[in-house]
């Protein structure tokens, strides 16, 4: 692992900041400079204007700017009042002055409009960016039976609006960042000032500030660059497209990162058990929510262990099967020319290919391909004597169980985890599975997410946090926030059944 880390880790090069360049006093020189910096792009537009008896130019990229805003907030006010201060006449909310000409091209590609005047060595940058976004809808990957049906979209300001509407609290802090030298991706860091640990916020701020890449397109880039152990199979940052889920984690003292242009939010720090929690657990009655959550953990064990157990039992320990079942299984596997490990690998890889094909194909065709492909291939390989009936059942049960997890990242990790366990089972039987599971358990206990033990509250053991881990206790009994993010306030008001004590009819 250390050798792999050394080979893949590259010493970052120092990035020199661009040299400051003063604005020319001649309008024509400024125009030529901007055109050269944007390589005379066809969507670069200019409009002449006269204000304070001075010739000026309005420059913008028509593909990014809102033309109606330019007309209403800039051109019309300047034509109505021929004299005065530019920043007072323009009706736009966001207007800034800059004396560095190098900032003009970057302002234009962000959708801003720039005003240049003859003899003035300052430029006026006005925010007139066009907003073209899709409607707010329910996340496809995180559907719920009950609860809110709104999710994040690809517009940062809309996402911040959704969070602010859910958390109407002045303690909610938003910090902006810009990553990617070529893409200039805008990020927003959200946390509760009175809840989030200052050390956690400082650490996240430092890691984001240390990012030096040309391209950071999506939160997936950010997650890989700031997570503690990028070589681990298990995700250490939780992705979500649900606004209610992000708001709930904010109120627990965690930090949320939202990137412009992507509908996913990053939640950190998280534990292994957070990936098996769903908003449905809290929208249902606590007994039903606890039962479903237990099913998810059982599905994790099934998806990762069942193929390996089948291989170990058939190859090394057939005596542990019931006597009536032995003859049924033996009659099926005797016709197969391959050992169980080859059967399992063939079926698991085929299943992954079908799953990937179903995702990439159009939605109307993808479901048909998945169902028909699974039925036809499964039936054909059994009839041809290449795969046994028990193996088809095992792989089907494994596939169904792996999709029970609410998080796609932990679902993928579970399916990948099954391959090394199958190899260990084929080599050493149940002993190999035992050592494999011990290695996984040790890795989970050693792993951290921004200083938080990944396997908390099981290791280190904290009984108070077990109320919302494997099962969910009633809401009114969850009167403490989880300790893994080390919030500033652990106690939260949950004495909502005080009416029982105040009711004079109660004894």
Protein backbone atom coordinates (compact mmCIF):
# COMPACT_ATOMS: atom_id res chain seq x y z
CA UNK A 1 0.00 0.00 0.00
CA UNK A 2 2.81 2.42 0.85
CA UNK A 3 4.53 1.65 -2.49
CA UNK A 4 1.28 2.27 -4.36
CA UNK A 5 0.77 5.50 -2.47
CA UNK A 6 4.31 6.62 -3.33
CA UNK A 7 3.85 5.85 -7.02
CA UNK A 8 0.51 7.60 -7.29
CA UNK A 9 1.33 10.59 -5.12
CA UNK A 10 2.92 13.40 -7.05
CA UNK A 11 4.63 16.36 -5.51
CA UNK A 12 2.52 19.40 -6.32
CA UNK A 13 4.12 22.14 -8.31
CA UNK A 14 4.03 25.71 -7.13
CA UNK A 15 1.43 27.79 -8.91
CA UNK A 16 2.54 31.31 -9.57
CA UNK A 17 -0.20 33.92 -9.40
CA UNK A 18 -0.80 35.94 -12.52
CA UNK A 19 0.93 39.28 -12.71
CA UNK A 20 -1.21 42.31 -12.08
CA UNK A 21 -1.86 44.46 -15.14
CA UNK A 22 -3.18 48.01 -14.91
CA UNK A 23 -6.11 49.14 -17.00
CA UNK A 24 -5.09 51.22 -20.01
CA UNK A 25 -6.26 54.81 -20.20
CA UNK A 26 -7.07 54.37 -23.90
CA UNK A 27 -10.34 52.58 -24.60
CA UNK A 28 -9.11 50.99 -27.82
CA UNK A 29 -6.12 49.37 -26.10
CA UNK A 30 -8.39 47.83 -23.46
CA UNK A 31 -10.67 46.49 -26.18
CA UNK A 32 -7.82 44.92 -28.11
CA UNK A 33 -6.43 43.32 -24.96
CA UNK A 34 -9.77 41.71 -24.02
CA UNK A 35 -10.33 40.46 -27.58
CA UNK A 36 -6.87 38.89 -27.64
CA UNK A 37 -7.39 37.23 -24.26
CA UNK A 38 -10.64 35.65 -25.47
CA UNK A 39 -9.17 34.89 -28.92
CA UNK A 40 -11.78 36.99 -30.77
CA UNK A 41 -14.57 34.60 -29.75
CA UNK A 42 -17.74 35.06 -31.79
CA UNK A 43 -19.98 35.35 -28.71
CA UNK A 44 -17.94 38.28 -27.36
CA UNK A 45 -20.12 41.34 -27.87
CA UNK A 46 -19.49 45.08 -27.53
CA UNK A 47 -21.83 48.03 -27.23
CA UNK A 48 -20.81 51.66 -27.30
CA UNK A 49 -22.23 54.03 -24.69
CA UNK A 50 -21.62 57.62 -23.63
CA UNK A 51 -21.73 58.71 -19.99
CA UNK A 52 -20.33 61.79 -18.22
CA UNK A 53 -19.34 63.14 -21.64
CA UNK A 54 -17.00 60.12 -21.98
CA UNK A 55 -16.99 57.33 -24.52
CA UNK A 56 -17.43 53.88 -23.06
CA UNK A 57 -17.89 50.25 -24.00
CA UNK A 58 -20.09 47.52 -22.58
CA UNK A 59 -18.58 44.08 -23.12
CA UNK A 60 -20.18 40.69 -22.39
CA UNK A 61 -20.44 37.11 -23.62
CA UNK A 62 -23.91 36.68 -25.09
CA UNK A 63 -23.82 32.93 -24.35
CA UNK A 64 -23.54 33.57 -20.61
CA UNK A 65 -25.07 36.99 -19.95
CA UNK A 66 -28.74 37.86 -19.59
CA UNK A 67 -29.45 40.42 -22.32
CA UNK A 68 -32.59 41.68 -20.61
CA UNK A 69 -30.64 42.43 -17.43
CA UNK A 70 -28.04 44.36 -19.44
CA UNK A 71 -30.74 46.45 -21.08
CA UNK A 72 -32.76 47.06 -17.92
CA UNK A 73 -30.03 47.43 -15.27
CA UNK A 74 -27.17 49.00 -17.26
CA UNK A 75 -28.04 50.56 -20.61
CA UNK A 76 -31.39 52.10 -19.67
CA UNK A 77 -30.20 53.79 -16.42
CA UNK A 78 -27.06 55.15 -18.13
CA UNK A 79 -29.13 56.60 -20.98
CA UNK A 80 -31.66 58.19 -18.64
CA UNK A 81 -28.98 59.83 -16.47
CA UNK A 82 -26.12 61.09 -18.55
CA UNK A 83 -24.06 62.16 -15.54
CA UNK A 84 -23.17 60.84 -12.09
CA UNK A 85 -21.34 57.96 -10.48
CA UNK A 86 -21.55 54.78 -12.55
CA UNK A 87 -21.91 52.46 -9.58
CA UNK A 88 -24.77 54.59 -8.23
CA UNK A 89 -26.65 54.93 -11.52
CA UNK A 90 -26.59 51.22 -12.41
CA UNK A 91 -29.45 49.42 -10.67
CA UNK A 92 -27.75 46.02 -10.39
CA UNK A 93 -27.24 44.68 -6.88
CA UNK A 94 -23.73 43.39 -7.52
CA UNK A 95 -21.26 45.85 -9.04
CA UNK A 96 -17.54 46.04 -8.26
CA UNK A 97 -14.61 48.17 -9.36
CA UNK A 98 -11.34 46.59 -10.48
CA UNK A 99 -8.06 48.13 -11.55
CA UNK A 100 -6.50 44.85 -12.73
CA UNK A 101 -7.16 44.25 -16.42
CA UNK A 102 -6.31 40.55 -16.06
CA UNK A 103 -9.51 40.02 -14.08
CA UNK A 104 -11.73 41.13 -16.97
CA UNK A 105 -11.58 37.86 -19.02
CA UNK A 106 -12.36 35.79 -15.90
CA UNK A 107 -15.26 38.08 -15.04
CA UNK A 108 -16.69 37.70 -18.54
CA UNK A 109 -16.61 33.89 -18.52
CA UNK A 110 -18.56 33.95 -15.25
CA UNK A 111 -21.43 35.72 -17.00
CA UNK A 112 -20.59 39.24 -15.85
CA UNK A 113 -20.74 42.41 -17.90
CA UNK A 114 -17.77 44.80 -17.94
CA UNK A 115 -17.89 48.59 -18.48
CA UNK A 116 -14.81 50.37 -19.86
CA UNK A 117 -14.47 54.15 -20.20
CA UNK A 118 -11.98 56.35 -22.02
CA UNK A 119 -9.39 57.86 -19.67
CA UNK A 120 -10.54 55.85 -16.61
CA UNK A 121 -8.09 53.24 -15.32
CA UNK A 122 -10.80 51.24 -13.59
CA UNK A 123 -13.38 48.80 -14.92
CA UNK A 124 -16.89 48.19 -13.59
CA UNK A 125 -17.96 44.53 -13.31
CA UNK A 126 -21.71 43.93 -13.10
CA UNK A 127 -23.33 40.57 -12.38
CA UNK A 128 -25.79 39.89 -15.21
CA UNK A 129 -25.32 36.11 -15.49
CA UNK A 130 -28.15 34.22 -17.15
CA UNK A 131 -29.80 31.47 -15.11
CA UNK A 132 -30.90 28.44 -17.12
CA UNK A 133 -31.78 25.57 -14.79
CA UNK A 134 -34.19 22.67 -14.70
CA UNK A 135 -37.13 22.58 -12.33
CA UNK A 136 -36.76 21.29 -8.79
CA UNK A 137 -37.73 17.60 -8.73
CA UNK A 138 -37.34 14.49 -6.61
CA UNK A 139 -33.92 12.80 -6.81
CA UNK A 140 -34.15 9.67 -8.93
CA UNK A 141 -31.49 7.81 -6.95
CA UNK A 142 -32.90 8.61 -3.49
CA UNK A 143 -36.64 8.20 -3.73
CA UNK A 144 -38.68 7.92 -0.54
CA UNK A 145 -42.17 6.71 0.23
CA UNK A 146 -42.97 9.53 2.63
CA UNK A 147 -41.41 12.91 3.21
CA UNK A 148 -40.22 15.74 0.99
CA UNK A 149 -39.90 15.22 -2.73
CA UNK A 150 -37.56 18.06 -3.62
CA UNK A 151 -33.88 17.68 -4.39
CA UNK A 152 -30.82 19.61 -5.41
CA UNK A 153 -30.34 20.73 -9.00
CA UNK A 154 -27.34 21.96 -11.00
CA UNK A 155 -27.62 25.60 -9.89
CA UNK A 156 -25.71 26.57 -6.76
CA UNK A 157 -27.92 29.50 -5.70
CA UNK A 158 -31.07 27.41 -6.03
CA UNK A 159 -29.51 24.71 -3.87
CA UNK A 160 -28.53 27.26 -1.22
CA UNK A 161 -32.09 28.58 -1.32
CA UNK A 162 -33.46 25.08 -0.69
CA UNK A 163 -31.18 24.58 2.30
CA UNK A 164 -31.91 28.04 3.71
CA UNK A 165 -35.65 27.39 3.48
CA UNK A 166 -35.24 24.20 5.49
CA UNK A 167 -32.83 25.68 8.03
CA UNK A 168 -34.16 29.17 8.73
CA UNK A 169 -31.46 29.94 11.25
CA UNK A 170 -28.98 32.86 11.27
CA UNK A 171 -26.29 30.46 12.48
CA UNK A 172 -26.19 28.79 9.07
CA UNK A 173 -22.93 29.98 7.49
CA UNK A 174 -22.07 29.80 3.78
CA UNK A 175 -18.50 30.17 2.53
CA UNK A 176 -17.60 30.35 -1.15
CA UNK A 177 -14.57 28.77 -2.80
CA UNK A 178 -13.31 28.55 -6.35
CA UNK A 179 -11.44 25.46 -7.50
CA UNK A 180 -9.97 24.42 -10.83
CA UNK A 181 -7.72 26.87 -12.63
CA UNK A 182 -9.31 26.12 -15.98
CA UNK A 183 -12.92 25.45 -14.95
CA UNK A 184 -13.25 27.94 -12.05
CA UNK A 185 -15.80 25.73 -10.30
CA UNK A 186 -17.63 27.52 -7.51
CA UNK A 187 -18.11 25.67 -4.23
CA UNK A 188 -20.16 26.48 -1.15
CA UNK A 189 -19.25 25.22 2.32
CA UNK A 190 -22.20 25.11 4.71
CA UNK A 191 -22.16 24.62 8.47
CA UNK A 192 -23.93 25.74 11.63
CA UNK A 193 -21.86 28.29 13.51
CA UNK A 194 -23.19 27.21 16.92
CA UNK A 195 -22.96 23.45 16.24
CA UNK A 196 -20.08 22.58 13.91
CA UNK A 197 -16.71 21.94 15.52
CA UNK A 198 -14.36 24.86 14.66
CA UNK A 199 -11.47 22.41 14.20
CA UNK A 200 -13.55 20.48 11.65
CA UNK A 201 -14.42 23.64 9.72
CA UNK A 202 -10.78 24.72 9.78
CA UNK A 203 -9.61 21.33 8.51
CA UNK A 204 -12.15 21.30 5.66
CA UNK A 205 -11.23 24.88 4.77
CA UNK A 206 -7.55 23.94 4.64
CA UNK A 207 -8.12 20.88 2.46
CA UNK A 208 -10.29 22.73 -0.02
CA UNK A 209 -7.85 25.62 -0.13
CA UNK A 210 -4.97 23.26 -0.91
CA UNK A 211 -6.63 21.91 -4.09
CA UNK A 212 -4.49 22.79 -7.11
CA UNK A 213 -5.95 21.31 -10.31
CA UNK A 214 -6.90 22.59 -13.72
CA UNK A 215 -10.28 20.81 -13.64
CA UNK A 216 -12.66 20.08 -10.76
CA UNK A 217 -15.93 19.36 -12.53
CA UNK A 218 -17.99 17.53 -9.93
CA UNK A 219 -18.11 16.78 -6.20
CA UNK A 220 -16.50 13.42 -7.05
CA UNK A 221 -13.27 15.30 -7.81
CA UNK A 222 -13.51 17.19 -4.52
CA UNK A 223 -14.23 14.04 -2.52
CA UNK A 224 -11.15 12.25 -3.84
CA UNK A 225 -8.95 15.25 -3.15
CA UNK A 226 -10.01 15.85 0.45
CA UNK A 227 -10.91 12.41 1.87
CA UNK A 228 -8.56 10.80 4.39
CA UNK A 229 -7.87 7.50 2.66
CA UNK A 230 -8.46 7.54 -1.12
CA UNK A 231 -7.13 3.97 -1.42
CA UNK A 232 -9.88 2.51 0.74
CA UNK A 233 -12.77 0.67 -0.87
CA UNK A 234 -15.24 2.28 1.52
CA UNK A 235 -16.49 5.84 0.84
CA UNK A 236 -15.65 8.31 3.59
CA UNK A 237 -17.89 11.13 2.36
CA UNK A 238 -21.63 10.82 1.92
CA UNK A 239 -23.24 11.94 -1.34
CA UNK A 240 -26.84 13.09 -1.32
CA UNK A 241 -29.26 14.87 -3.63
CA UNK A 242 -31.88 15.33 -0.93
CA UNK A 243 -32.23 18.71 0.76
CA UNK A 244 -33.83 17.26 3.89
CA UNK A 245 -30.94 14.85 4.36
CA UNK A 246 -28.38 17.65 4.03
CA UNK A 247 -30.32 19.83 6.49
CA UNK A 248 -30.56 17.00 9.03
CA UNK A 249 -26.81 16.43 8.95
CA UNK A 250 -26.16 20.16 9.29
CA UNK A 251 -28.22 20.15 12.49
CA UNK A 252 -26.01 17.35 13.80
CA UNK A 253 -22.92 19.55 13.49
CA UNK A 254 -21.62 18.20 10.18
CA UNK A 255 -20.38 20.11 7.15
CA UNK A 256 -21.97 20.15 3.69
CA UNK A 257 -20.20 21.01 0.43
CA UNK A 258 -22.22 21.96 -2.66
CA UNK A 259 -20.65 22.50 -6.09
CA UNK A 260 -22.11 24.61 -8.87
CA UNK A 261 -23.16 22.53 -11.86
CA UNK A 262 -23.88 19.31 -9.95
CA UNK A 263 -26.97 18.19 -8.01
CA UNK A 264 -24.98 16.25 -5.40
CA UNK A 265 -23.94 17.53 -1.99
CA UNK A 266 -21.07 16.14 0.09
CA UNK A 267 -21.64 15.49 3.79
CA UNK A 268 -18.72 15.03 6.18
CA UNK A 269 -17.60 13.60 8.46
CA UNK A 270 -19.64 10.41 8.26
CA UNK A 271 -19.49 6.90 9.63
CA UNK A 272 -20.08 3.53 8.00
CA UNK A 273 -23.59 3.37 9.46
CA UNK A 274 -24.65 6.72 7.93
CA UNK A 275 -24.68 5.06 4.49
CA UNK A 276 -27.45 2.69 5.62
CA UNK A 277 -29.69 5.42 7.03
CA UNK A 278 -32.54 6.75 4.92
CA UNK A 279 -35.03 9.60 5.42
CA UNK A 280 -37.76 6.96 5.34
CA UNK A 281 -36.45 5.66 8.67
CA UNK A 282 -37.56 8.89 10.33
CA UNK A 283 -40.77 9.43 8.38
CA UNK A 284 -42.09 5.99 9.42
CA UNK A 285 -42.98 4.79 12.90
CA UNK A 286 -39.86 3.84 14.80
CA UNK A 287 -40.57 0.10 14.89
CA UNK A 288 -41.06 -0.08 11.12
CA UNK A 289 -38.05 2.16 10.52
CA UNK A 290 -35.86 0.00 12.75
CA UNK A 291 -36.98 -3.18 11.00
CA UNK A 292 -36.16 -1.81 7.55
CA UNK A 293 -32.79 -0.54 8.70
CA UNK A 294 -31.92 -3.96 10.14
CA UNK A 295 -32.85 -5.45 6.76
CA UNK A 296 -30.30 -3.17 5.11
CA UNK A 297 -27.51 -4.39 7.37
CA UNK A 298 -28.57 -8.00 6.76
CA UNK A 299 -28.48 -7.27 3.02
CA UNK A 300 -24.89 -6.01 3.39
CA UNK A 301 -23.88 -9.35 4.94
CA UNK A 302 -25.76 -11.31 2.27
CA UNK A 303 -24.32 -9.33 -0.64
CA UNK A 304 -20.74 -9.63 0.55
CA UNK A 305 -20.73 -13.14 2.06
CA UNK A 306 -23.27 -15.42 0.38
CA UNK A 307 -21.26 -16.20 -2.82
CA UNK A 308 -18.12 -16.82 -0.76
CA UNK A 309 -20.01 -19.05 1.68
CA UNK A 310 -21.49 -21.05 -1.18
CA UNK A 311 -18.04 -21.60 -2.70
CA UNK A 312 -16.55 -22.58 0.68
CA UNK A 313 -19.36 -25.00 1.51
CA UNK A 314 -19.41 -26.72 -1.90
CA UNK A 315 -15.63 -26.92 -2.23
CA UNK A 316 -14.50 -27.58 1.37
CA UNK A 317 -17.37 -28.18 3.79
CA UNK A 318 -20.30 -29.97 2.10
CA UNK A 319 -20.94 -31.89 5.33
CA UNK A 320 -22.55 -28.85 6.96
CA UNK A 321 -25.48 -29.00 4.49
CA UNK A 322 -28.64 -30.92 5.42
CA UNK A 323 -28.66 -34.44 4.02
CA UNK A 324 -31.68 -33.91 1.75
CA UNK A 325 -30.15 -30.73 0.34
CA UNK A 326 -26.81 -32.38 -0.42
CA UNK A 327 -28.27 -34.70 -3.06
CA UNK A 328 -30.19 -31.87 -4.73
CA UNK A 329 -27.12 -29.61 -4.91
CA UNK A 330 -24.79 -32.45 -5.96
CA UNK A 331 -27.03 -33.49 -8.83
CA UNK A 332 -27.01 -29.91 -10.11
CA UNK A 333 -23.26 -29.20 -9.82
CA UNK A 334 -22.18 -32.59 -11.24
CA UNK A 335 -23.22 -31.42 -14.72
CA UNK A 336 -21.09 -28.26 -14.49
CA UNK A 337 -17.51 -28.59 -15.82
CA UNK A 338 -16.21 -25.59 -13.79
CA UNK A 339 -15.36 -25.27 -10.11
CA UNK A 340 -17.68 -23.06 -8.00
CA UNK A 341 -15.27 -20.08 -8.08
CA UNK A 342 -15.38 -19.97 -11.89
CA UNK A 343 -19.16 -20.24 -11.82
CA UNK A 344 -19.42 -17.37 -9.37
CA UNK A 345 -17.02 -15.13 -11.29
CA UNK A 346 -18.82 -15.76 -14.58
CA UNK A 347 -22.22 -14.95 -13.11
CA UNK A 348 -21.07 -11.95 -11.07
CA UNK A 349 -19.26 -10.38 -14.02
CA UNK A 350 -22.26 -11.06 -16.29
CA UNK A 351 -24.52 -9.44 -13.73
CA UNK A 352 -22.29 -6.35 -13.55
CA UNK A 353 -22.27 -6.09 -17.35
CA UNK A 354 -26.08 -6.29 -17.45
CA UNK A 355 -26.37 -3.68 -14.69
CA UNK A 356 -24.03 -1.29 -16.47
CA UNK A 357 -25.83 -1.83 -19.77
CA UNK A 358 -29.17 -1.11 -18.09
CA UNK A 359 -27.82 2.17 -16.73
CA UNK A 360 -26.30 3.38 -20.01
CA UNK A 361 -29.19 2.45 -22.31
CA UNK A 362 -32.29 4.67 -22.62
CA UNK A 363 -34.67 4.16 -19.71
CA UNK A 364 -37.38 2.46 -21.78
CA UNK A 365 -34.91 -0.02 -23.24
CA UNK A 366 -32.68 -0.42 -20.19
CA UNK A 367 -35.30 -2.13 -18.00
CA UNK A 368 -36.20 -4.50 -20.81
CA UNK A 369 -32.57 -5.42 -21.42
CA UNK A 370 -32.00 -6.03 -17.72
CA UNK A 371 -35.01 -8.28 -17.23
CA UNK A 372 -34.90 -10.14 -20.54
CA UNK A 373 -31.09 -10.42 -20.49
CA UNK A 374 -31.11 -11.81 -16.97
CA UNK A 375 -33.84 -14.35 -17.68
CA UNK A 376 -32.49 -15.47 -21.05
CA UNK A 377 -28.85 -15.71 -19.99
CA UNK A 378 -29.69 -17.34 -16.65
CA UNK A 379 -31.91 -19.96 -18.20
CA UNK A 380 -29.56 -20.60 -21.12
CA UNK A 381 -26.39 -21.12 -19.09
CA UNK A 382 -28.19 -23.57 -16.79
CA UNK A 383 -29.65 -25.55 -19.69
CA UNK A 384 -26.23 -25.63 -21.36
CA UNK A 385 -24.71 -27.09 -18.19
CA UNK A 386 -22.31 -24.17 -17.68
CA UNK A 387 -23.82 -22.93 -14.41
CA UNK A 388 -25.74 -24.78 -11.70
CA UNK A 389 -29.17 -23.78 -10.43
CA UNK A 390 -27.95 -23.04 -6.86
CA UNK A 391 -25.36 -20.61 -8.23
CA UNK A 392 -28.02 -18.70 -10.16
CA UNK A 393 -30.07 -18.40 -6.96
CA UNK A 394 -27.04 -17.24 -4.97
CA UNK A 395 -26.04 -14.60 -7.51
CA UNK A 396 -29.62 -13.32 -7.86
CA UNK A 397 -29.96 -13.02 -4.09
CA UNK A 398 -26.60 -11.24 -3.94
CA UNK A 399 -27.61 -8.75 -6.64
CA UNK A 400 -30.93 -7.92 -4.98
CA UNK A 401 -29.28 -7.47 -1.58
CA UNK A 402 -26.58 -5.17 -2.93
CA UNK A 403 -29.20 -2.69 -4.21
CA UNK A 404 -30.96 -2.38 -0.86
CA UNK A 405 -28.44 0.18 0.45
CA UNK A 406 -29.69 3.80 0.08
CA UNK A 407 -26.23 4.96 -1.04
CA UNK A 408 -24.91 3.94 -4.46
CA UNK A 409 -21.29 4.29 -3.27
CA UNK A 410 -21.62 1.74 -0.45
CA UNK A 411 -23.66 -0.53 -2.75
CA UNK A 412 -20.83 -0.58 -5.30
CA UNK A 413 -18.25 -1.16 -2.55
CA UNK A 414 -20.26 -4.13 -1.27
CA UNK A 415 -20.37 -5.80 -4.67
CA UNK A 416 -16.63 -5.30 -5.21
CA UNK A 417 -15.96 -6.63 -1.72
CA UNK A 418 -17.47 -9.96 -2.69
CA UNK A 419 -14.74 -10.75 -5.26
CA UNK A 420 -11.74 -11.03 -2.89
CA UNK A 421 -13.88 -12.93 -0.39
CA UNK A 422 -14.81 -15.44 -3.13
CA UNK A 423 -11.14 -15.94 -3.99
CA UNK A 424 -10.28 -16.50 -0.31
CA UNK A 425 -13.15 -18.97 0.00
CA UNK A 426 -11.95 -20.89 -3.06
CA UNK A 427 -8.41 -21.10 -1.63
CA UNK A 428 -8.99 -21.68 2.09
CA UNK A 429 -12.69 -22.31 2.64
CA UNK A 430 -14.37 -20.89 5.74
CA UNK A 431 -10.97 -20.09 7.25
CA UNK A 432 -10.24 -17.77 4.32
CA UNK A 433 -13.60 -16.04 4.74
CA UNK A 434 -12.93 -15.60 8.46
CA UNK A 435 -9.55 -13.98 7.87
CA UNK A 436 -11.01 -11.83 5.10
CA UNK A 437 -13.78 -10.55 7.36
CA UNK A 438 -11.29 -9.89 10.15
CA UNK A 439 -9.15 -7.85 7.77
CA UNK A 440 -12.22 -5.85 6.67
CA UNK A 441 -13.25 -5.27 10.29
CA UNK A 442 -9.76 -4.11 11.26
CA UNK A 443 -9.70 -1.78 8.26
CA UNK A 444 -13.09 -0.31 9.21
CA UNK A 445 -11.94 0.26 12.79
CA UNK A 446 -8.73 1.92 11.59
CA UNK A 447 -10.37 4.15 8.99
CA UNK A 448 -11.19 7.78 9.75
CA UNK A 449 -13.28 10.50 8.16
CA UNK A 450 -11.90 13.95 9.04
CA UNK A 451 -10.73 12.76 12.43
CA UNK A 452 -13.91 10.79 13.14
CA UNK A 453 -13.63 7.01 13.67
CA UNK A 454 -15.32 5.45 10.64
CA UNK A 455 -16.84 2.57 12.62
CA UNK A 456 -18.20 4.79 15.40
CA UNK A 457 -20.18 4.24 17.62
CA UNK A 458 -19.27 0.54 17.56
CA UNK A 459 -15.55 1.21 17.72
CA UNK A 460 -14.93 3.08 19.92
CA UNK A 461 -18.06 1.84 21.65
CA UNK A 462 -20.52 4.52 22.74
CA UNK A 463 -23.82 3.10 23.91
CA UNK A 464 -25.73 6.41 23.82
CA UNK A 465 -25.17 6.73 20.07
CA UNK A 466 -26.39 3.17 19.48
CA UNK A 467 -29.96 4.51 19.69
CA UNK A 468 -29.72 5.53 16.05
CA UNK A 469 -27.30 3.01 14.55
CA UNK A 470 -28.57 -0.52 13.88
CA UNK A 471 -32.10 0.47 14.89
CA UNK A 472 -33.85 3.78 15.44
CA UNK A 473 -35.24 4.52 18.85
CA UNK A 474 -38.32 6.81 19.16
CA UNK A 475 -37.64 10.41 18.15
CA UNK A 476 -38.40 11.75 21.61
CA UNK A 477 -35.65 9.54 23.11
CA UNK A 478 -32.93 10.86 20.76
CA UNK A 479 -32.08 13.81 22.99
CA UNK A 480 -28.37 13.89 22.13
CA UNK A 481 -26.61 14.59 18.87
CA UNK A 482 -24.17 11.96 17.58
CA UNK A 483 -20.70 12.36 19.05
CA UNK A 484 -18.75 11.45 15.92
CA UNK A 485 -18.68 15.01 14.43
CA UNK A 486 -17.83 16.44 17.89
CA UNK A 487 -20.49 19.16 17.81
CA UNK A 488 -20.34 22.14 20.13
CA UNK A 489 -23.72 21.20 21.64
CA UNK A 490 -24.50 17.56 22.34
CA UNK A 491 -27.89 18.00 23.97
CA UNK A 492 -30.87 18.82 21.76
CA UNK A 493 -34.40 19.52 22.89
CA UNK A 494 -36.53 16.42 22.32
CA UNK A 495 -38.88 16.47 25.36
CA UNK A 496 -41.90 16.55 23.08
CA UNK A 497 -44.02 14.19 25.18
CA UNK A 498 -44.13 16.46 28.20
CA UNK A 499 -47.92 16.50 27.86
CA UNK A 500 -47.94 13.03 29.46
CA UNK A 501 -46.58 14.46 32.69
CA UNK A 502 -48.79 17.56 32.60
CA UNK A 503 -51.99 15.68 31.79
CA UNK A 504 -54.05 15.55 35.02
CA UNK A 505 -55.79 12.40 33.77
CA UNK A 506 -52.50 10.50 33.91
CA UNK A 507 -51.54 8.87 37.16
